[in-house]
Amino acid sequence: AEELERRGCGRFAYLARGREVKLNFWSVPEDALDAPEEMARLAHAALAYARSVAEQKARSGKARSSRPHKPPR
C-alpha cells in the first residue's frame, strides 16, 4: 500500500449513508498498465500481502464480520 500511495494510487471508495467507505482495493499506477512485468510484480506483491493478512487473522482467531449477527425473524 505504501508503494501504491507513493506512486499516486488510491483506494476505491463509495458513499454509504453519507459516509465514505474505503475498500481494500487499490488503483494501479498508470505506467503499470502498459508494462506487463510491472503489473505482474504488483499483483504478486498484493497477493503475498493478502495472504499474510489472512494468516495473521487466522492465528489471532478473529472472525471477520462487518455487521453484528441478527437472528432470523
PDB file of N, CA and C in Angstrom:
ATOM      1  N   ALA A   1       0.817  -1.192   0.000  1.00  0.00           N
ATOM      2  CA  ALA A   1       0.000   0.000   0.000  1.00  0.00           C
ATOM      3  C   ALA A   1       0.863   1.260   0.000  1.00  0.00           C
ATOM      4  N   GLU A   2       1.973   1.211   0.717  1.00  0.00           N
ATOM      5  CA  GLU A   2       2.837   2.394   0.774  1.00  0.00           C
ATOM      6  C   GLU A   2       3.391   2.736  -0.600  1.00  0.00           C
ATOM      7  N   GLU A   3       3.818   1.708  -1.337  1.00  0.00           N
ATOM      8  CA  GLU A   3       4.339   1.954  -2.686  1.00  0.00           C
ATOM      9  C   GLU A   3       3.251   2.533  -3.578  1.00  0.00           C
ATOM     10  N   LEU A   4       2.047   2.003  -3.474  1.00  0.00           N
ATOM     11  CA  LEU A   4       0.951   2.498  -4.312  1.00  0.00           C
ATOM     12  C   LEU A   4       0.631   3.952  -3.980  1.00  0.00           C
ATOM     13  N   GLU A   5       0.617   4.286  -2.704  1.00  0.00           N
ATOM     14  CA  GLU A   5       0.380   5.682  -2.310  1.00  0.00           C
ATOM     15  C   GLU A   5       1.471   6.593  -2.860  1.00  0.00           C
ATOM     16  N   ARG A   6       2.708   6.149  -2.745  1.00  0.00           N
ATOM     17  CA  ARG A   6       3.841   6.929  -3.243  1.00  0.00           C
ATOM     18  C   ARG A   6       3.722   7.166  -4.749  1.00  0.00           C
ATOM     19  N   ARG A   7       3.159   6.199  -5.444  1.00  0.00           N
ATOM     20  CA  ARG A   7       3.043   6.294  -6.901  1.00  0.00           C
ATOM     21  C   ARG A   7       1.732   6.942  -7.341  1.00  0.00           C
ATOM     22  N   GLY A   8       0.985   7.509  -6.404  1.00  0.00           N
ATOM     23  CA  GLY A   8      -0.209   8.276  -6.739  1.00  0.00           C
ATOM     24  C   GLY A   8      -1.490   7.472  -6.881  1.00  0.00           C
ATOM     25  N   CYS A   9      -1.485   6.243  -6.393  1.00  0.00           N
ATOM     26  CA  CYS A   9      -2.678   5.395  -6.475  1.00  0.00           C
ATOM     27  C   CYS A   9      -3.557   5.640  -5.252  1.00  0.00           C
ATOM     28  N   GLY A  10      -4.801   5.228  -5.354  1.00  0.00           N
ATOM     29  CA  GLY A  10      -5.716   5.401  -4.236  1.00  0.00           C
ATOM     30  C   GLY A  10      -6.603   4.189  -4.052  1.00  0.00           C
ATOM     31  N   ARG A  11      -7.212   4.119  -2.880  1.00  0.00           N
ATOM     32  CA  ARG A  11      -8.157   3.038  -2.588  1.00  0.00           C
ATOM     33  C   ARG A  11      -9.499   3.372  -3.213  1.00  0.00           C
ATOM     34  N   PHE A  12     -10.186   2.345  -3.663  1.00  0.00           N
ATOM     35  CA  PHE A  12     -11.540   2.547  -4.161  1.00  0.00           C
ATOM     36  C   PHE A  12     -12.437   2.851  -2.965  1.00  0.00           C
ATOM     37  N   ALA A  13     -13.392   3.746  -3.172  1.00  0.00           N
ATOM     38  CA  ALA A  13     -14.276   4.163  -2.083  1.00  0.00           C
ATOM     39  C   ALA A  13     -15.661   4.464  -2.641  1.00  0.00           C
ATOM     40  N   TYR A  14     -16.654   4.426  -1.758  1.00  0.00           N
ATOM     41  CA  TYR A  14     -18.020   4.792  -2.124  1.00  0.00           C
ATOM     42  C   TYR A  14     -18.680   5.442  -0.916  1.00  0.00           C
ATOM     43  N   LEU A  15     -19.809   6.091  -1.158  1.00  0.00           N
ATOM     44  CA  LEU A  15     -20.560   6.723  -0.075  1.00  0.00           C
ATOM     45  C   LEU A  15     -21.702   5.814   0.350  1.00  0.00           C
ATOM     46  N   ALA A  16     -21.864   5.646   1.639  1.00  0.00           N
ATOM     47  CA  ALA A  16     -22.963   4.870   2.205  1.00  0.00           C
ATOM     48  C   ALA A  16     -23.481   5.618   3.419  1.00  0.00           C
ATOM     49  N   ARG A  17     -24.736   5.980   3.371  1.00  0.00           N
ATOM     50  CA  ARG A  17     -25.362   6.718   4.478  1.00  0.00           C
ATOM     51  C   ARG A  17     -24.575   7.982   4.823  1.00  0.00           C
ATOM     52  N   GLY A  18     -24.095   8.652   3.787  1.00  0.00           N
ATOM     53  CA  GLY A  18     -23.386   9.902   3.981  1.00  0.00           C
ATOM     54  C   GLY A  18     -21.943   9.780   4.441  1.00  0.00           C
ATOM     55  N   ARG A  19     -21.428   8.554   4.525  1.00  0.00           N
ATOM     56  CA  ARG A  19     -20.042   8.340   4.957  1.00  0.00           C
ATOM     57  C   ARG A  19     -19.251   7.668   3.849  1.00  0.00           C
ATOM     58  N   GLU A  20     -17.983   8.040   3.746  1.00  0.00           N
ATOM     59  CA  GLU A  20     -17.113   7.404   2.767  1.00  0.00           C
ATOM     60  C   GLU A  20     -16.629   6.066   3.316  1.00  0.00           C
ATOM     61  N   VAL A  21     -16.797   5.023   2.517  1.00  0.00           N
ATOM     62  CA  VAL A  21     -16.334   3.688   2.884  1.00  0.00           C
ATOM     63  C   VAL A  21     -15.186   3.342   1.940  1.00  0.00           C
ATOM     64  N   LYS A  22     -13.997   3.121   2.502  1.00  0.00           N
ATOM     65  CA  LYS A  22     -12.832   2.780   1.687  1.00  0.00           C
ATOM     66  C   LYS A  22     -12.658   1.270   1.663  1.00  0.00           C
ATOM     67  N   LEU A  23     -12.468   0.746   0.470  1.00  0.00           N
ATOM     68  CA  LEU A  23     -12.267  -0.684   0.283  1.00  0.00           C
ATOM     69  C   LEU A  23     -10.779  -1.009   0.286  1.00  0.00           C
ATOM     70  N   ASN A  24     -10.459  -2.269   0.407  1.00  0.00           N
ATOM     71  CA  ASN A  24      -9.061  -2.695   0.351  1.00  0.00           C
ATOM     72  C   ASN A  24      -8.664  -3.050  -1.075  1.00  0.00           C
ATOM     73  N   PHE A  25      -9.197  -2.322  -2.027  1.00  0.00           N
ATOM     74  CA  PHE A  25      -8.857  -2.469  -3.437  1.00  0.00           C
ATOM     75  C   PHE A  25      -8.224  -1.164  -3.883  1.00  0.00           C
ATOM     76  N   TRP A  26      -7.098  -1.237  -4.563  1.00  0.00           N
ATOM     77  CA  TRP A  26      -6.341  -0.062  -4.959  1.00  0.00           C
ATOM     78  C   TRP A  26      -6.301   0.071  -6.475  1.00  0.00           C
ATOM     79  N   SER A  27      -6.228   1.304  -6.937  1.00  0.00           N
ATOM     80  CA  SER A  27      -5.961   1.534  -8.355  1.00  0.00           C
ATOM     81  C   SER A  27      -4.491   1.196  -8.597  1.00  0.00           C
ATOM     82  N   VAL A  28      -4.143   0.979  -9.860  1.00  0.00           N
ATOM     83  CA  VAL A  28      -2.752   0.656 -10.184  1.00  0.00           C
ATOM     84  C   VAL A  28      -2.078   1.872 -10.807  1.00  0.00           C
ATOM     85  N   PRO A  29      -0.769   1.938 -10.707  1.00  0.00           N
ATOM     86  CA  PRO A  29      -0.060   3.054 -11.327  1.00  0.00           C
ATOM     87  C   PRO A  29      -0.277   3.046 -12.843  1.00  0.00           C
ATOM     88  N   GLU A  30      -0.439   4.219 -13.406  1.00  0.00           N
ATOM     89  CA  GLU A  30      -0.711   4.332 -14.836  1.00  0.00           C
ATOM     90  C   GLU A  30       0.378   3.678 -15.680  1.00  0.00           C
ATOM     91  N   ASP A  31       1.639   3.830 -15.271  1.00  0.00           N
ATOM     92  CA  ASP A  31       2.729   3.249 -16.063  1.00  0.00           C
ATOM     93  C   ASP A  31       2.698   1.720 -16.056  1.00  0.00           C
ATOM     94  N   ALA A  32       2.071   1.110 -15.058  1.00  0.00           N
ATOM     95  CA  ALA A  32       1.993  -0.350 -14.995  1.00  0.00           C
ATOM     96  C   ALA A  32       0.977  -0.908 -15.988  1.00  0.00           C
ATOM     97  N   LEU A  33       0.058  -0.081 -16.451  1.00  0.00           N
ATOM     98  CA  LEU A  33      -0.956  -0.550 -17.397  1.00  0.00           C
ATOM     99  C   LEU A  33      -0.339  -0.995 -18.716  1.00  0.00           C
ATOM    100  N   ASP A  34       0.774  -0.408 -19.098  1.00  0.00           N
ATOM    101  CA  ASP A  34       1.451  -0.760 -20.348  1.00  0.00           C
ATOM    102  C   ASP A  34       2.721  -1.567 -20.118  1.00  0.00           C
ATOM    103  N   ALA A  35       2.899  -2.087 -18.926  1.00  0.00           N
ATOM    104  CA  ALA A  35       4.107  -2.844 -18.587  1.00  0.00           C
ATOM    105  C   ALA A  35       3.706  -4.147 -17.893  1.00  0.00           C
ATOM    106  N   PRO A  36       3.519  -5.210 -18.674  1.00  0.00           N
ATOM    107  CA  PRO A  36       3.064  -6.483 -18.086  1.00  0.00           C
ATOM    108  C   PRO A  36       3.947  -6.988 -16.944  1.00  0.00           C
ATOM    109  N   GLU A  37       5.254  -6.802 -17.056  1.00  0.00           N
ATOM    110  CA  GLU A  37       6.149  -7.286 -15.995  1.00  0.00           C
ATOM    111  C   GLU A  37       5.909  -6.521 -14.693  1.00  0.00           C
ATOM    112  N   GLU A  38       5.722  -5.212 -14.806  1.00  0.00           N
ATOM    113  CA  GLU A  38       5.466  -4.394 -13.614  1.00  0.00           C
ATOM    114  C   GLU A  38       4.100  -4.735 -13.018  1.00  0.00           C
ATOM    115  N   MET A  39       3.108  -4.938 -13.867  1.00  0.00           N
ATOM    116  CA  MET A  39       1.773  -5.306 -13.387  1.00  0.00           C
ATOM    117  C   MET A  39       1.837  -6.651 -12.664  1.00  0.00           C
ATOM    118  N   ALA A  40       2.585  -7.595 -13.224  1.00  0.00           N
ATOM    119  CA  ALA A  40       2.726  -8.908 -12.582  1.00  0.00           C
ATOM    120  C   ALA A  40       3.428  -8.774 -11.231  1.00  0.00           C
ATOM    121  N   ARG A  41       4.458  -7.937 -11.156  1.00  0.00           N
ATOM    122  CA  ARG A  41       5.174  -7.735  -9.892  1.00  0.00           C
ATOM    123  C   ARG A  41       4.240  -7.171  -8.830  1.00  0.00           C
ATOM    124  N   LEU A  42       3.436  -6.174  -9.222  1.00  0.00           N
ATOM    125  CA  LEU A  42       2.483  -5.576  -8.282  1.00  0.00           C
ATOM    126  C   LEU A  42       1.429  -6.594  -7.844  1.00  0.00           C
ATOM    127  N   ALA A  43       0.954  -7.399  -8.785  1.00  0.00           N
ATOM    128  CA  ALA A  43      -0.056  -8.414  -8.458  1.00  0.00           C
ATOM    129  C   ALA A  43       0.503  -9.450  -7.489  1.00  0.00           C
ATOM    130  N   HIS A  44       1.726  -9.891  -7.715  1.00  0.00           N
ATOM    131  CA  HIS A  44       2.347 -10.869  -6.810  1.00  0.00           C
ATOM    132  C   HIS A  44       2.552 -10.276  -5.422  1.00  0.00           C
ATOM    133  N   ALA A  45       2.966  -9.022  -5.362  1.00  0.00           N
ATOM    134  CA  ALA A  45       3.154  -8.362  -4.063  1.00  0.00           C
ATOM    135  C   ALA A  45       1.821  -8.226  -3.334  1.00  0.00           C
ATOM    136  N   ALA A  46       0.765  -7.873  -4.061  1.00  0.00           N
ATOM    137  CA  ALA A  46      -0.559  -7.727  -3.449  1.00  0.00           C
ATOM    138  C   ALA A  46      -1.073  -9.067  -2.931  1.00  0.00           C
ATOM    139  N   LEU A  47      -0.868 -10.123  -3.705  1.00  0.00           N
ATOM    140  CA  LEU A  47      -1.309 -11.451  -3.284  1.00  0.00           C
ATOM    141  C   LEU A  47      -0.548 -11.907  -2.037  1.00  0.00           C
ATOM    142  N   ALA A  48       0.746 -11.680  -2.013  1.00  0.00           N
ATOM    143  CA  ALA A  48       1.542 -12.056  -0.840  1.00  0.00           C
ATOM    144  C   ALA A  48       1.064 -11.298   0.397  1.00  0.00           C
ATOM    145  N   TYR A  49       0.769 -10.020   0.233  1.00  0.00           N
ATOM    146  CA  TYR A  49       0.280  -9.221   1.362  1.00  0.00           C
ATOM    147  C   TYR A  49      -1.077  -9.741   1.843  1.00  0.00           C
ATOM    148  N   ALA A  50      -1.986 -10.016   0.914  1.00  0.00           N
ATOM    149  CA  ALA A  50      -3.315 -10.513   1.287  1.00  0.00           C
ATOM    150  C   ALA A  50      -3.213 -11.840   2.030  1.00  0.00           C
ATOM    151  N   ARG A  51      -2.333 -12.705   1.574  1.00  0.00           N
ATOM    152  CA  ARG A  51      -2.155 -13.993   2.253  1.00  0.00           C
ATOM    153  C   ARG A  51      -1.590 -13.809   3.660  1.00  0.00           C
ATOM    154  N   SER A  52      -0.661 -12.877   3.825  1.00  0.00           N
ATOM    155  CA  SER A  52      -0.084 -12.670   5.155  1.00  0.00           C
ATOM    156  C   SER A  52      -1.125 -12.107   6.117  1.00  0.00           C
ATOM    157  N   VAL A  53      -1.985 -11.225   5.634  1.00  0.00           N
ATOM    158  CA  VAL A  53      -3.057 -10.682   6.478  1.00  0.00           C
ATOM    159  C   VAL A  53      -4.024 -11.795   6.872  1.00  0.00           C
ATOM    160  N   ALA A  54      -4.378 -12.663   5.918  1.00  0.00           N
ATOM    161  CA  ALA A  54      -5.291 -13.770   6.206  1.00  0.00           C
ATOM    162  C   ALA A  54      -4.682 -14.711   7.245  1.00  0.00           C
ATOM    163  N   GLU A  55      -3.389 -14.983   7.129  1.00  0.00           N
ATOM    164  CA  GLU A  55      -2.718 -15.849   8.107  1.00  0.00           C
ATOM    165  C   GLU A  55      -2.726 -15.219   9.493  1.00  0.00           C
ATOM    166  N   GLN A  56      -2.467 -13.926   9.560  1.00  0.00           N
ATOM    167  CA  GLN A  56      -2.470 -13.234  10.851  1.00  0.00           C
ATOM    168  C   GLN A  56      -3.850 -13.289  11.490  1.00  0.00           C
ATOM    169  N   LYS A  57      -4.894 -13.098  10.690  1.00  0.00           N
ATOM    170  CA  LYS A  57      -6.258 -13.162  11.221  1.00  0.00           C
ATOM    171  C   LYS A  57      -6.579 -14.566  11.706  1.00  0.00           C
ATOM    172  N   ALA A  58      -6.163 -15.570  10.942  1.00  0.00           N
ATOM    173  CA  ALA A  58      -6.435 -16.951  11.332  1.00  0.00           C
ATOM    174  C   ALA A  58      -5.719 -17.296  12.637  1.00  0.00           C
ATOM    175  N   ARG A  59      -4.488 -16.830  12.786  1.00  0.00           N
ATOM    176  CA  ARG A  59      -3.725 -17.107  14.008  1.00  0.00           C
ATOM    177  C   ARG A  59      -4.305 -16.405  15.220  1.00  0.00           C
ATOM    178  N   SER A  60      -4.848 -15.215  15.006  1.00  0.00           N
ATOM    179  CA  SER A  60      -5.387 -14.464  16.141  1.00  0.00           C
ATOM    180  C   SER A  60      -6.774 -14.965  16.535  1.00  0.00           C
ATOM    181  N   GLY A  61      -7.404 -15.755  15.666  1.00  0.00           N
ATOM    182  CA  GLY A  61      -8.718 -16.298  15.971  1.00  0.00           C
ATOM    183  C   GLY A  61      -9.845 -15.318  15.781  1.00  0.00           C
ATOM    184  N   LYS A  62      -9.557 -14.187  15.187  1.00  0.00           N
ATOM    185  CA  LYS A  62     -10.598 -13.187  14.975  1.00  0.00           C
ATOM    186  C   LYS A  62     -11.365 -13.498  13.698  1.00  0.00           C
ATOM    187  N   ALA A  63     -12.660 -13.551  13.828  1.00  0.00           N
ATOM    188  CA  ALA A  63     -13.511 -13.736  12.655  1.00  0.00           C
ATOM    189  C   ALA A  63     -13.811 -12.370  12.066  1.00  0.00           C
ATOM    190  N   ARG A  64     -13.867 -12.305  10.763  1.00  0.00           N
ATOM    191  CA  ARG A  64     -14.155 -11.028  10.107  1.00  0.00           C
ATOM    192  C   ARG A  64     -15.659 -10.873   9.990  1.00  0.00           C
ATOM    193  N   SER A  65     -16.159  -9.792  10.522  1.00  0.00           N
ATOM    194  CA  SER A  65     -17.582  -9.509  10.435  1.00  0.00           C
ATOM    195  C   SER A  65     -17.774  -8.019  10.283  1.00  0.00           C
ATOM    196  N   SER A  66     -18.509  -7.636   9.256  1.00  0.00           N
ATOM    197  CA  SER A  66     -18.733  -6.214   9.057  1.00  0.00           C
ATOM    198  C   SER A  66     -19.944  -5.736   9.843  1.00  0.00           C
ATOM    199  N   ARG A  67     -20.841  -6.655  10.189  1.00  0.00           N
ATOM    200  CA  ARG A  67     -22.051  -6.298  10.941  1.00  0.00           C
ATOM    201  C   ARG A  67     -22.293  -7.341  12.030  1.00  0.00           C
ATOM    202  N   PRO A  68     -22.928  -6.922  13.098  1.00  0.00           N
ATOM    203  CA  PRO A  68     -23.289  -7.916  14.115  1.00  0.00           C
ATOM    204  C   PRO A  68     -24.328  -8.878  13.551  1.00  0.00           C
ATOM    205  N   HIS A  69     -24.288 -10.104  14.002  1.00  0.00           N
ATOM    206  CA  HIS A  69     -25.235 -11.114  13.531  1.00  0.00           C
ATOM    207  C   HIS A  69     -26.635 -10.800  14.047  1.00  0.00           C
ATOM    208  N   LYS A  70     -27.610 -10.844  13.153  1.00  0.00           N
ATOM    209  CA  LYS A  70     -29.003 -10.633  13.548  1.00  0.00           C
ATOM    210  C   LYS A  70     -29.730 -11.971  13.475  1.00  0.00           C
ATOM    211  N   PRO A  71     -30.474 -12.318  14.513  1.00  0.00           N
ATOM    212  CA  PRO A  71     -31.223 -13.577  14.465  1.00  0.00           C
ATOM    213  C   PRO A  71     -32.336 -13.489  13.425  1.00  0.00           C
ATOM    214  N   PRO A  72     -32.707 -14.615  12.811  1.00  0.00           N
ATOM    215  CA  PRO A  72     -33.800 -14.593  11.826  1.00  0.00           C
ATOM    216  C   PRO A  72     -35.118 -14.240  12.492  1.00  0.00           C
ATOM    217  N   ARG A  73     -36.009 -13.682  11.718  1.00  0.00           N
ATOM    218  CA  ARG A  73     -37.333 -13.314  12.256  1.00  0.00           C
ATOM    219  C   ARG A  73     -38.254 -14.488  12.308  1.00  0.00           C
TER     220      ARG A  73
END
